[in-house]
C-alpha atoms as a PDB file:
ATOM      1  CA  MET A   1      -6.478  -8.874  18.102  1.00  0.00           C
ATOM      2  CA  ALA A   2      -8.665 -10.593  20.802  1.00  0.00           C
ATOM      3  CA  SER A   3     -10.065 -14.050  20.505  1.00  0.00           C
ATOM      4  CA  ALA A   4     -12.775 -15.212  23.084  1.00  0.00           C
ATOM      5  CA  ALA A   5      -9.609 -17.457  24.597  1.00  0.00           C
ATOM      6  CA  ASP A   6      -8.096 -13.710  25.582  1.00  0.00           C
ATOM      7  CA  ILE A   7     -11.147 -12.062  27.159  1.00  0.00           C
ATOM      8  CA  PRO A   8     -12.353 -13.143  30.889  1.00  0.00           C
ATOM      9  CA  GLY A   9     -15.320 -14.795  31.792  1.00  0.00           C
ATOM     10  CA  LEU A  10     -15.279 -16.418  28.065  1.00  0.00           C
ATOM     11  CA  THR A  11     -14.688 -19.536  27.612  1.00  0.00           C
ATOM     12  CA  PRO A  12     -13.572 -19.945  23.892  1.00  0.00           C
ATOM     13  CA  ALA A  13     -16.339 -22.062  21.942  1.00  0.00           C
ATOM     14  CA  GLU A  14     -15.866 -25.576  20.454  1.00  0.00           C
ATOM     15  CA  PRO A  15     -14.279 -25.566  16.951  1.00  0.00           C
ATOM     16  CA  ASP A  16     -17.735 -27.573  14.385  1.00  0.00           C
ATOM     17  CA  LEU A  17     -17.676 -27.180  10.532  1.00  0.00           C
ATOM     18  CA  PRO A  18     -19.575 -24.625   9.815  1.00  0.00           C
ATOM     19  CA  ARG A  19     -17.924 -21.678  12.456  1.00  0.00           C
ATOM     20  CA  LEU A  20     -14.638 -22.924  11.080  1.00  0.00           C
ATOM     21  CA  GLU A  21     -16.153 -22.579   7.148  1.00  0.00           C
ATOM     22  CA  THR A  22     -17.105 -19.283   8.074  1.00  0.00           C
ATOM     23  CA  ILE A  23     -14.164 -18.819   9.245  1.00  0.00           C
ATOM     24  CA  VAL A  24     -12.140 -19.908   6.484  1.00  0.00           C
ATOM     25  CA  THR A  25     -14.787 -17.940   4.495  1.00  0.00           C
ATOM     26  CA  LEU A  26     -13.859 -14.697   5.848  1.00  0.00           C
ATOM     27  CA  CYS A  27     -10.272 -15.245   5.317  1.00  0.00           C
ATOM     28  CA  GLU A  28     -10.757 -15.742   1.632  1.00  0.00           C
ATOM     29  CA  GLN A  29     -12.938 -12.819   1.391  1.00  0.00           C
ATOM     30  CA  ARG A  30      -9.846 -11.076   3.455  1.00  0.00           C
ATOM     31  CA  VAL A  31      -7.198 -12.548   0.747  1.00  0.00           C
ATOM     32  CA  GLU A  32      -8.964 -11.087  -2.007  1.00  0.00           C
ATOM     33  CA  ARG A  33      -9.562  -7.717  -0.701  1.00  0.00           C
ATOM     34  CA  ALA A  34      -6.235  -7.621   0.453  1.00  0.00           C
ATOM     35  CA  ALA A  35      -4.942  -8.285  -3.105  1.00  0.00           C
ATOM     36  CA  VAL A  36      -6.909  -5.838  -4.330  1.00  0.00           C
ATOM     37  CA  ARG A  37      -5.051  -2.916  -2.500  1.00  0.00           C
ATOM     38  CA  LEU A  38      -1.599  -4.401  -3.694  1.00  0.00           C
ATOM     39  CA  GLN A  39      -2.705  -4.237  -6.726  1.00  0.00           C
ATOM     40  CA  ARG A  40      -4.234  -0.372  -6.668  1.00  0.00           C
ATOM     41  CA  ALA A  41      -0.801   0.504  -4.545  1.00  0.00           C
ATOM     42  CA  THR A  42       1.448  -0.881  -6.455  1.00  0.00           C
ATOM     43  CA  ALA A  43      -0.698   1.049  -9.480  1.00  0.00           C
ATOM     44  CA  GLU A  44      -0.029   4.027  -7.287  1.00  0.00           C
ATOM     45  CA  HIS A  45       3.270   3.323  -6.298  1.00  0.00           C
ATOM     46  CA  ASP A  46       4.379   2.606 -10.663  1.00  0.00           C
ATOM     47  CA  ASP A  47       2.294   6.122 -11.438  1.00  0.00           C
ATOM     48  CA  ALA A  48       4.449   7.507  -8.431  1.00  0.00           C
ATOM     49  CA  ALA A  49       8.107   6.521  -9.947  1.00  0.00           C
ATOM     50  CA  THR A  50       7.364   7.748 -12.941  1.00  0.00           C
ATOM     51  CA  ALA A  51       5.759  11.459 -12.210  1.00  0.00           C
ATOM     52  CA  LEU A  52       9.421  11.638  -9.657  1.00  0.00           C
ATOM     53  CA  GLU A  53      11.745  10.050 -13.248  1.00  0.00           C
ATOM     54  CA  SER A  54      10.304  13.104 -15.004  1.00  0.00           C
ATOM     55  CA  ALA A  55       9.977  15.867 -12.938  1.00  0.00           C
ATOM     56  CA  ARG A  56      13.758  15.260 -12.496  1.00  0.00           C
ATOM     57  CA  ALA A  57      14.489  15.055 -16.318  1.00  0.00           C
ATOM     58  CA  ALA A  58      12.684  17.819 -16.425  1.00  0.00           C
ATOM     59  CA  ARG A  59      14.221  20.187 -14.378  1.00  0.00           C
ATOM     60  CA  ASP A  60      17.477  18.309 -15.289  1.00  0.00           C
ATOM     61  CA  HIS A  61      16.170  19.761 -18.967  1.00  0.00           C
ATOM     62  CA  TRP A  62      15.816  23.385 -17.377  1.00  0.00           C
ATOM     63  CA  ILE A  63      18.877  23.776 -15.882  1.00  0.00           C
ATOM     64  CA  ALA A  64      20.927  22.403 -18.607  1.00  0.00           C
ATOM     65  CA  ASN A  65      19.134  24.862 -20.832  1.00  0.00           C
ATOM     66  CA  ASN A  66      19.146  27.649 -18.773  1.00  0.00           C
ATOM     67  CA  ASP A  67      21.882  29.865 -17.390  1.00  0.00           C
ATOM     68  CA  ASP A  68      22.160  31.297 -13.488  1.00  0.00           C
ATOM     69  CA  PRO A  69      21.955  34.941 -13.835  1.00  0.00           C
ATOM     70  CA  GLN A  70      23.936  35.488 -10.550  1.00  0.00           C
ATOM     71  CA  MET A  71      26.435  33.732 -12.832  1.00  0.00           C
ATOM     72  CA  MET A  72      26.529  35.690 -15.378  1.00  0.00           C
ATOM     73  CA  MET A  73      27.780  38.476 -12.565  1.00  0.00           C
ATOM     74  CA  PHE A  74      31.136  37.510 -12.331  1.00  0.00           C
END
C-alpha cells in the first residue's frame, strides 16, 4: 500500500497523538476482522476434511462390497 512518502508531490505529515491513535484503532479492527476470517476458514477446512474422510470411507466400503462386473467375465 502506498504511503504519502511513496507518492511524488506529497510530503508525509508529522505524526501526532490523535493520528497515531486512529492508526492503532484501525489496526486493532483489522486484526479482529482477520481473526474472524481465520476462525471461519479453519471451520470450513475442518468441515471439508471431515467430508473428504467420509466420502473416501463410503467409496472404500462400496469397492469392498461390490464386485467388478468386468472381472466376473473371466
